[in-house]
């Protein structure tokens, strides 16, 4: 009931039911039949005439179909009707004892009028109450009102919130590059205006992203030429220690330029997806890193199928494992399944990251301690690149501190490949 659509539907239903209910009440009051106290007097006059005829000539009365018997008619007495009829008999002639009875709920009302001779005149009288099926008619009328108002309300609410649905659908369809796919500009004026605004926004956003990508890529490439000249000049520095410092700084600049170019490529990349066995992929990374001196503990689970680009996913996981092995004194990898997701947990035994800095770890060139740049390799783009790749394959990545044991936990979740996606 928290959604705007449901609230609009409920509001419209209440409004329609209230209006129809009030209209029905007003119509029923205006069109209701006259009260029994008014309409029953003609019936009383008719009973007086029949009683007089029966008392004057019993045989004539019987011959024309008047029923006479020694006892009043049987059945359940209708006290309210009996009272009305007795009062009407007093107003229209001599008072006579009258009893109104009914054999069953579907039987007609029978008036028993006592004659002066002690006999009873038996005659049917019309019923002035509501029909027996009145309750069912009212229930059907109410159900029809509710169903009709619900259908009208749902249709109206859907039309009202259509622009909002376009916004929601457009947001859900945003691709890894941050661009909204084109939206058909059809429908009502409001819908067309919303779609046109979103398409214009998407076009401007795409132009801005492409301009940024070109700028970063061009800057990375253009840095290569001056860095190459500087490296050549550094080779001629006579002081060995000073030369090594120049070469180290140039190597770091080169790493930053390469990482920036790779980050741009990952943001606009679109690797073809295929079924990747996470156990085998992680084992390949471990086999590559151990000979290079990294302390890595491989996972025990052999296979978890996910739909991803194998090269890009391998690059992302390699960055995370190297990050843990380099800054955390070793990496321990764990694979498991949570619902419909494959989960990769990479733990290390390092000092962790201050809680106030955890939200910044995926920012480009982020460093927990800027002073460690000189002693730790890398340009600070590994986590940013990994995040771009993982989110492209509908996954998530989180980093949190662990207390038992102490260290950092990098958690990657990727949707398990559906049966139709598996090879």
Protein backbone atom coordinates (compact mmCIF):
# COMPACT_ATOMS: atom_id res chain seq x y z
CA UNK A 1 0.00 0.00 0.00
CA UNK A 2 3.06 2.28 0.13
CA UNK A 3 3.23 2.69 -3.64
CA UNK A 4 1.62 5.74 -5.23
CA UNK A 5 -0.40 3.53 -7.59
CA UNK A 6 -2.01 1.58 -4.74
CA UNK A 7 -2.79 4.78 -2.84
CA UNK A 8 -4.45 6.32 -5.90
CA UNK A 9 -6.48 3.15 -6.49
CA UNK A 10 -7.66 3.10 -2.86
CA UNK A 11 -8.53 6.80 -2.93
CA UNK A 12 -10.52 6.46 -6.15
CA UNK A 13 -12.37 3.38 -4.88
CA UNK A 14 -13.35 5.17 -1.66
CA UNK A 15 -14.48 8.24 -3.61
CA UNK A 16 -16.56 6.26 -6.12
CA UNK A 17 -18.14 3.98 -3.51
CA UNK A 18 -18.98 6.96 -1.28
CA UNK A 19 -20.59 8.91 -4.12
CA UNK A 20 -22.59 5.92 -5.39
CA UNK A 21 -23.59 4.98 -1.84
CA UNK A 22 -24.87 8.47 -1.08
CA UNK A 23 -26.71 8.59 -4.42
CA UNK A 24 -28.30 5.20 -3.72
CA UNK A 25 -29.39 6.31 -0.25
CA UNK A 26 -30.88 9.53 -1.59
CA UNK A 27 -32.72 7.66 -4.36
CA UNK A 28 -34.07 5.06 -1.94
CA UNK A 29 -35.40 7.79 0.34
CA UNK A 30 -36.99 9.68 -2.52
CA UNK A 31 -38.53 6.62 -4.19
CA UNK A 32 -39.52 4.59 -1.13
CA UNK A 33 -43.13 3.31 -1.02
CA UNK A 34 -45.67 4.89 1.33
CA UNK A 35 -45.70 3.71 4.93
CA UNK A 36 -47.90 0.69 5.78
CA UNK A 37 -49.91 2.89 8.17
CA UNK A 38 -51.13 4.89 5.17
CA UNK A 39 -51.62 2.17 2.59
CA UNK A 40 -53.32 -0.34 4.89
CA UNK A 41 -56.58 1.60 5.32
CA UNK A 42 -57.91 0.57 1.86
CA UNK A 43 -57.25 -3.02 2.87
CA UNK A 44 -59.21 -2.45 6.10
CA UNK A 45 -62.20 -1.06 4.15
CA UNK A 46 -62.15 -4.10 1.91
CA UNK A 47 -62.16 -6.41 4.93
CA UNK A 48 -65.11 -4.47 6.42
CA UNK A 49 -67.07 -5.00 3.22
CA UNK A 50 -66.31 -8.72 3.11
CA UNK A 51 -67.17 -9.10 6.79
CA UNK A 52 -70.48 -7.28 6.32
CA UNK A 53 -71.34 -9.47 3.32
CA UNK A 54 -70.49 -12.64 5.25
CA UNK A 55 -72.63 -11.60 8.24
CA UNK A 56 -75.59 -10.64 6.07
CA UNK A 57 -75.71 -13.80 3.91
CA UNK A 58 -73.22 -16.55 4.72
CA UNK A 59 -74.21 -18.67 1.68
CA UNK A 60 -73.76 -15.83 -0.81
CA UNK A 61 -70.42 -15.06 0.73
CA UNK A 62 -69.26 -18.64 0.36
CA UNK A 63 -70.56 -18.79 -3.20
CA UNK A 64 -68.40 -15.88 -4.29
CA UNK A 65 -65.27 -17.42 -2.75
CA UNK A 66 -65.12 -15.83 0.69
CA UNK A 67 -63.41 -18.18 3.14
CA UNK A 68 -65.09 -18.67 6.52
CA UNK A 69 -63.89 -20.99 9.26
CA UNK A 70 -64.27 -21.52 12.99
CA UNK A 71 -60.61 -20.76 13.87
CA UNK A 72 -58.22 -18.07 12.66
CA UNK A 73 -55.66 -19.05 10.06
CA UNK A 74 -52.60 -20.85 11.34
CA UNK A 75 -49.00 -19.76 11.06
CA UNK A 76 -46.74 -17.22 12.72
CA UNK A 77 -48.44 -14.01 13.76
CA UNK A 78 -47.00 -10.82 12.27
CA UNK A 79 -47.57 -8.59 15.30
CA UNK A 80 -46.62 -5.29 13.69
CA UNK A 81 -48.90 -5.92 10.72
CA UNK A 82 -51.71 -7.03 13.07
CA UNK A 83 -51.41 -3.77 15.04
CA UNK A 84 -51.50 -1.64 11.89
CA UNK A 85 -54.53 -3.52 10.55
CA UNK A 86 -56.44 -3.35 13.86
CA UNK A 87 -55.92 0.44 14.02
CA UNK A 88 -56.99 0.76 10.38
CA UNK A 89 -60.14 -1.27 11.09
CA UNK A 90 -61.03 1.10 13.96
CA UNK A 91 -60.55 4.15 11.72
CA UNK A 92 -62.60 2.77 8.81
CA UNK A 93 -65.50 1.19 10.69
CA UNK A 94 -66.45 -0.87 13.72
CA UNK A 95 -63.55 -2.38 15.62
CA UNK A 96 -62.99 -6.01 14.84
CA UNK A 97 -60.35 -8.44 16.10
CA UNK A 98 -57.84 -9.01 13.31
CA UNK A 99 -54.80 -11.29 13.31
CA UNK A 100 -52.23 -11.35 10.50
CA UNK A 101 -50.30 -14.60 10.15
CA UNK A 102 -47.88 -16.20 7.71
CA UNK A 103 -47.37 -19.93 7.28
CA UNK A 104 -43.76 -19.60 6.02
CA UNK A 105 -41.34 -16.94 4.80
CA UNK A 106 -42.47 -17.52 1.22
CA UNK A 107 -46.21 -17.76 1.95
CA UNK A 108 -48.64 -14.83 1.52
CA UNK A 109 -49.93 -12.86 4.51
CA UNK A 110 -53.34 -14.04 5.79
CA UNK A 111 -55.70 -11.76 7.70
CA UNK A 112 -58.20 -13.47 10.04
CA UNK A 113 -61.15 -11.16 10.91
CA UNK A 114 -63.53 -12.23 13.67
CA UNK A 115 -67.21 -11.83 12.80
CA UNK A 116 -70.02 -11.08 15.22
CA UNK A 117 -71.15 -14.71 14.93
CA UNK A 118 -67.76 -15.92 16.22
CA UNK A 119 -66.69 -17.24 12.83
CA UNK A 120 -63.46 -16.01 11.20
CA UNK A 121 -63.17 -14.39 7.79
CA UNK A 122 -59.95 -15.52 6.09
CA UNK A 123 -58.46 -13.26 3.41
CA UNK A 124 -55.07 -12.64 1.86
CA UNK A 125 -53.56 -9.18 2.33
CA UNK A 126 -50.64 -7.66 0.47
CA UNK A 127 -47.28 -7.37 2.18
CA UNK A 128 -45.86 -3.89 2.54
CA UNK A 129 -42.39 -4.84 3.75
CA UNK A 130 -39.26 -5.24 1.62
CA UNK A 131 -39.10 -8.29 -0.67
CA UNK A 132 -37.58 -11.45 0.71
CA UNK A 133 -34.72 -11.25 -1.76
CA UNK A 134 -33.95 -7.65 -0.83
CA UNK A 135 -30.81 -8.61 1.05
CA UNK A 136 -29.39 -10.47 -1.93
CA UNK A 137 -30.29 -7.60 -4.25
CA UNK A 138 -28.50 -5.15 -1.94
CA UNK A 139 -25.45 -7.42 -1.67
CA UNK A 140 -25.27 -7.83 -5.44
CA UNK A 141 -25.63 -4.09 -5.93
CA UNK A 142 -22.81 -3.42 -3.44
CA UNK A 143 -20.51 -6.00 -5.04
CA UNK A 144 -21.19 -4.54 -8.48
CA UNK A 145 -20.33 -1.05 -7.22
CA UNK A 146 -17.08 -2.21 -5.61
CA UNK A 147 -15.96 -4.25 -8.64
CA UNK A 148 -16.83 -1.50 -11.09
CA UNK A 149 -15.14 1.20 -9.01
CA UNK A 150 -12.05 -1.00 -8.59
CA UNK A 151 -11.70 -1.54 -12.32
CA UNK A 152 -12.20 2.15 -13.07
CA UNK A 153 -9.77 3.13 -10.30
CA UNK A 154 -7.03 0.78 -11.48
CA UNK A 155 -7.37 2.04 -15.03
CA UNK A 156 -7.34 5.68 -13.96
CA UNK A 157 -4.39 5.20 -11.57
CA UNK A 158 -2.41 3.44 -14.29
CA UNK A 159 -2.96 6.38 -16.63
CA UNK A 160 -2.06 8.91 -13.94
CA UNK A 161 1.22 7.29 -12.92
CA UNK A 162 2.28 6.28 -16.44
CA UNK A 163 4.98 9.00 -16.59
CA UNK A 164 6.35 7.81 -13.26
CA UNK A 165 6.45 4.23 -14.54
CA UNK A 166 8.43 5.42 -17.55
CA UNK A 167 10.94 7.02 -15.18
CA UNK A 168 11.20 3.85 -13.10
CA UNK A 169 11.62 1.61 -16.16
CA UNK A 170 14.22 3.95 -17.61
CA UNK A 171 16.24 3.89 -14.39
CA UNK A 172 16.11 0.10 -14.25
CA UNK A 173 17.37 -0.08 -17.86
CA UNK A 174 20.42 2.11 -17.35
CA UNK A 175 23.41 0.25 -18.78
CA UNK A 176 26.91 -0.11 -17.33
CA UNK A 177 27.93 3.01 -19.23
CA UNK A 178 25.28 5.05 -17.41
CA UNK A 179 23.24 5.72 -20.56
CA UNK A 180 19.46 5.24 -20.72
CA UNK A 181 18.25 3.24 -23.75
CA UNK A 182 15.92 5.18 -26.11
CA UNK A 183 12.29 5.36 -24.96
CA UNK A 184 9.44 5.39 -27.53
CA UNK A 185 7.79 8.83 -27.55
CA UNK A 186 4.20 7.62 -27.86
CA UNK A 187 1.03 7.88 -25.82
CA UNK A 188 -0.58 10.86 -24.12
CA UNK A 189 0.97 14.31 -24.10
CA UNK A 190 2.43 13.87 -20.61
CA UNK A 191 3.90 10.48 -21.50
CA UNK A 192 5.46 11.82 -24.72
CA UNK A 193 6.89 14.79 -22.84
CA UNK A 194 8.42 12.52 -20.18
CA UNK A 195 9.92 10.18 -22.78
CA UNK A 196 11.30 13.11 -24.78
CA UNK A 197 12.91 14.62 -21.68
CA UNK A 198 14.52 11.30 -20.76
CA UNK A 199 15.82 10.77 -24.31
CA UNK A 200 17.31 14.27 -24.31
CA UNK A 201 18.89 13.66 -20.92
CA UNK A 202 20.30 10.34 -22.15
CA UNK A 203 21.79 11.99 -25.21
CA UNK A 204 23.47 14.74 -23.19
CA UNK A 205 24.71 12.23 -20.63
CA UNK A 206 26.16 9.98 -23.33
CA UNK A 207 27.96 12.93 -24.93
CA UNK A 208 29.40 13.98 -21.58
CA UNK A 209 30.59 10.46 -20.76
CA UNK A 210 32.16 9.97 -24.17
CA UNK A 211 33.90 13.34 -23.87
CA UNK A 212 35.29 12.37 -20.47
CA UNK A 213 36.44 9.01 -21.78
CA UNK A 214 38.21 10.61 -24.74
CA UNK A 215 39.85 13.14 -22.44
CA UNK A 216 41.17 10.53 -20.01
CA UNK A 217 42.34 8.19 -22.80
CA UNK A 218 44.02 11.04 -24.68
CA UNK A 219 45.73 12.26 -21.53
CA UNK A 220 47.01 8.76 -20.79
CA UNK A 221 48.36 8.32 -24.30
CA UNK A 222 49.82 11.82 -24.50
CA UNK A 223 51.72 11.29 -21.25
CA UNK A 224 53.67 8.45 -22.81
CA UNK A 225 55.82 10.67 -25.05
CA UNK A 226 57.10 13.10 -22.37
CA UNK A 227 57.60 10.24 -19.93
CA UNK A 228 59.70 8.41 -22.48
CA UNK A 229 61.87 11.51 -22.97
CA UNK A 230 62.19 11.96 -19.23
CA UNK A 231 63.18 8.31 -18.81
CA UNK A 232 65.93 8.73 -21.41
CA UNK A 233 67.22 11.83 -19.67
CA UNK A 234 67.11 10.10 -16.30
CA UNK A 235 69.44 7.43 -17.61
CA UNK A 236 72.14 10.08 -17.94
CA UNK A 237 71.91 11.25 -14.32
CA UNK A 238 75.31 10.64 -12.81
CA UNK A 239 74.16 10.04 -9.22
CA UNK A 240 72.92 6.42 -9.00
CA UNK A 241 70.59 7.10 -6.09
CA UNK A 242 69.06 10.15 -7.77
CA UNK A 243 68.68 8.23 -11.04
CA UNK A 244 66.79 5.43 -9.26
CA UNK A 245 64.42 7.95 -7.70
CA UNK A 246 63.69 9.50 -11.12
CA UNK A 247 63.11 6.11 -12.69
CA UNK A 248 60.83 5.02 -9.82
CA UNK A 249 58.71 8.16 -10.15
CA UNK A 250 58.47 7.71 -13.91
CA UNK A 251 57.48 4.08 -13.46
CA UNK A 252 54.72 5.16 -11.11
CA UNK A 253 53.48 7.76 -13.61
CA UNK A 254 53.49 5.09 -16.30
CA UNK A 255 51.44 2.78 -14.08
CA UNK A 256 48.94 5.56 -13.41
CA UNK A 257 48.56 6.30 -17.13
CA UNK A 258 48.10 2.59 -17.95
CA UNK A 259 45.54 2.17 -15.16
CA UNK A 260 43.60 5.23 -16.29
CA UNK A 261 43.40 3.89 -19.83
CA UNK A 262 42.29 0.45 -18.55
CA UNK A 263 39.63 2.07 -16.36
CA UNK A 264 38.21 3.89 -19.38
CA UNK A 265 38.20 0.67 -21.38
CA UNK A 266 36.39 -1.17 -18.58
CA UNK A 267 33.72 1.54 -18.28
CA UNK A 268 32.87 1.30 -21.96
CA UNK A 269 33.70 -2.39 -22.42
CA UNK A 270 31.08 -4.95 -23.41
CA UNK A 271 32.60 -8.41 -23.17
CA UNK A 272 30.42 -11.21 -24.49
CA UNK A 273 29.01 -13.21 -21.60
CA UNK A 274 29.49 -16.92 -21.24
CA UNK A 275 29.35 -19.44 -18.44
CA UNK A 276 32.40 -19.05 -16.21
CA UNK A 277 33.29 -21.59 -13.53
CA UNK A 278 34.41 -19.45 -10.60
CA UNK A 279 36.33 -22.25 -8.89
CA UNK A 280 38.44 -22.91 -11.97
CA UNK A 281 38.90 -19.20 -12.69
CA UNK A 282 40.08 -18.38 -9.18
CA UNK A 283 42.39 -21.40 -9.22
CA UNK A 284 44.00 -20.09 -12.43
CA UNK A 285 44.61 -16.72 -10.74
CA UNK A 286 46.12 -18.41 -7.69
CA UNK A 287 48.42 -20.55 -9.86
CA UNK A 288 49.65 -17.38 -11.58
CA UNK A 289 50.23 -15.37 -8.39
CA UNK A 290 51.95 -17.92 -6.15
CA UNK A 291 55.09 -18.17 -8.39
CA UNK A 292 55.27 -14.35 -8.26
CA UNK A 293 55.64 -14.45 -4.47
CA UNK A 294 52.05 -13.64 -3.42
CA UNK A 295 50.66 -15.50 -0.38
CA UNK A 296 47.33 -16.85 -1.54
CA UNK A 297 45.19 -19.66 -0.11
CA UNK A 298 42.97 -21.16 -2.86
CA UNK A 299 39.27 -21.96 -2.32
CA UNK A 300 37.98 -25.47 -1.67
CA UNK A 301 34.82 -25.24 -3.82
CA UNK A 302 35.62 -26.38 -7.34
CA UNK A 303 32.84 -24.88 -9.44
CA UNK A 304 30.20 -22.15 -9.35
CA UNK A 305 28.71 -21.16 -12.77
CA UNK A 306 28.15 -17.44 -13.45
CA UNK A 307 27.42 -15.56 -16.67
CA UNK A 308 30.28 -13.11 -17.31
CA UNK A 309 33.13 -12.19 -19.60
CA UNK A 310 35.97 -14.50 -18.51
CA UNK A 311 38.83 -12.11 -19.33
CA UNK A 312 37.27 -9.10 -17.62
CA UNK A 313 36.13 -11.09 -14.57
CA UNK A 314 39.58 -12.63 -14.21
CA UNK A 315 41.10 -9.15 -14.28
CA UNK A 316 38.70 -7.94 -11.58
CA UNK A 317 39.29 -10.87 -9.24
CA UNK A 318 43.05 -10.72 -9.81
CA UNK A 319 43.03 -7.06 -8.73
CA UNK A 320 41.16 -7.91 -5.53
CA UNK A 321 43.37 -10.87 -4.67
CA UNK A 322 46.56 -8.90 -5.32
CA UNK A 323 45.17 -6.06 -3.21
CA UNK A 324 44.63 -8.45 -0.28
CA UNK A 325 47.96 -10.25 -0.72
CA UNK A 326 49.90 -6.98 -1.04
CA UNK A 327 48.32 -4.86 1.66
CA UNK A 328 47.00 -7.57 3.96
CA UNK A 329 49.92 -9.95 4.26
CA UNK A 330 48.19 -12.74 2.33
CA UNK A 331 44.83 -13.61 0.80
CA UNK A 332 42.45 -16.40 1.78
CA UNK A 333 39.68 -17.10 -0.75
CA UNK A 334 36.30 -18.64 0.03
CA UNK A 335 33.52 -19.57 -2.41
CA UNK A 336 29.93 -20.22 -1.35
CA UNK A 337 26.31 -19.91 -2.49
CA UNK A 338 23.73 -17.53 -1.03
CA UNK A 339 20.31 -17.97 -2.59
CA UNK A 340 20.68 -17.26 -6.32
CA UNK A 341 24.13 -15.69 -5.96
CA UNK A 342 27.67 -17.01 -6.06
CA UNK A 343 29.73 -15.36 -3.32
CA UNK A 344 33.51 -14.85 -3.35
CA UNK A 345 35.05 -13.72 -0.05
CA UNK A 346 38.67 -12.61 -0.07
CA UNK A 347 40.09 -12.20 3.43
CA UNK A 348 43.43 -10.82 4.50
CA UNK A 349 45.29 -10.37 7.80
CA UNK A 350 46.16 -6.71 7.39
CA UNK A 351 45.36 -3.69 9.55
CA UNK A 352 42.08 -3.03 7.72
CA UNK A 353 40.69 0.37 6.76
CA UNK A 354 39.34 3.06 9.09
CA UNK A 355 35.54 2.92 9.12
CA UNK A 356 35.20 6.53 8.02
CA UNK A 357 37.19 5.74 4.83
CA UNK A 358 35.35 2.57 3.76
CA UNK A 359 32.95 4.54 1.54
CA UNK A 360 35.91 5.94 -0.44
CA UNK A 361 37.78 2.72 -1.27
CA UNK A 362 36.33 2.46 -4.79
CA UNK A 363 37.22 6.01 -5.77
CA UNK A 364 40.01 6.29 -8.38
CA UNK A 365 43.51 6.82 -6.95
CA UNK A 366 42.28 6.26 -3.39
CA UNK A 367 44.97 5.53 -0.79
CA UNK A 368 44.38 4.81 2.88
CA UNK A 369 47.81 6.31 3.63
CA UNK A 370 49.35 8.54 0.98
CA UNK A 371 52.80 7.85 2.45
CA UNK A 372 52.51 4.16 1.48
CA UNK A 373 52.46 5.10 -2.23
CA UNK A 374 56.26 5.05 -2.22
CA UNK A 375 56.57 1.55 -0.81
CA UNK A 376 53.47 -0.16 -2.22
CA UNK A 377 53.10 -0.82 -5.97
CA UNK A 378 50.05 0.22 -7.97
CA UNK A 379 48.29 3.36 -9.05
CA UNK A 380 45.21 3.14 -6.81
CA UNK A 381 42.82 2.16 -9.61
CA UNK A 382 42.60 -1.60 -9.06
CA UNK A 383 39.44 -1.49 -6.90
CA UNK A 384 37.75 1.04 -9.19
CA UNK A 385 38.41 -1.17 -12.22
CA UNK A 386 37.18 -4.28 -10.36
CA UNK A 387 33.97 -2.51 -9.33
CA UNK A 388 33.26 -1.43 -12.92
CA UNK A 389 33.70 -4.99 -14.19
CA UNK A 390 31.66 -6.69 -11.46
CA UNK A 391 28.73 -4.30 -11.70
CA UNK A 392 28.72 -4.73 -15.48
CA UNK A 393 27.88 -8.41 -14.89
CA UNK A 394 25.01 -7.50 -12.48
CA UNK A 395 27.15 -8.20 -9.43
CA UNK A 396 28.02 -6.28 -6.28
CA UNK A 397 31.20 -5.75 -4.30
CA UNK A 398 31.55 -4.65 -0.69
CA UNK A 399 34.55 -4.18 1.59
CA UNK A 400 34.34 -4.44 5.37
CA UNK A 401 36.64 -4.81 8.33
CA UNK A 402 36.79 -8.12 10.15
CA UNK A 403 37.49 -8.52 13.86
CA UNK A 404 37.84 -12.30 14.15
CA UNK A 405 40.35 -12.69 12.70
CA UNK A 406 41.54 -9.15 12.18
CA UNK A 407 41.78 -7.94 8.60
CA UNK A 408 39.71 -6.92 5.60
CA UNK A 409 36.95 -8.88 3.83
CA UNK A 410 36.23 -8.18 0.15
CA UNK A 411 32.87 -9.75 -0.78
CA UNK A 412 31.82 -10.21 -4.40
CA UNK A 413 28.33 -11.45 -5.31
CA UNK A 414 27.45 -12.55 -8.84
CA UNK A 415 24.16 -14.06 -10.02
CA UNK A 416 24.40 -17.78 -10.67
CA UNK A 417 24.04 -18.64 -14.34
CA UNK A 418 20.55 -19.83 -15.26
CA UNK A 419 20.18 -23.19 -16.91
CA UNK A 420 19.63 -21.61 -20.33
CA UNK A 421 22.86 -19.59 -19.90
CA UNK A 422 25.05 -22.57 -19.07
CA UNK A 423 27.18 -24.27 -21.65
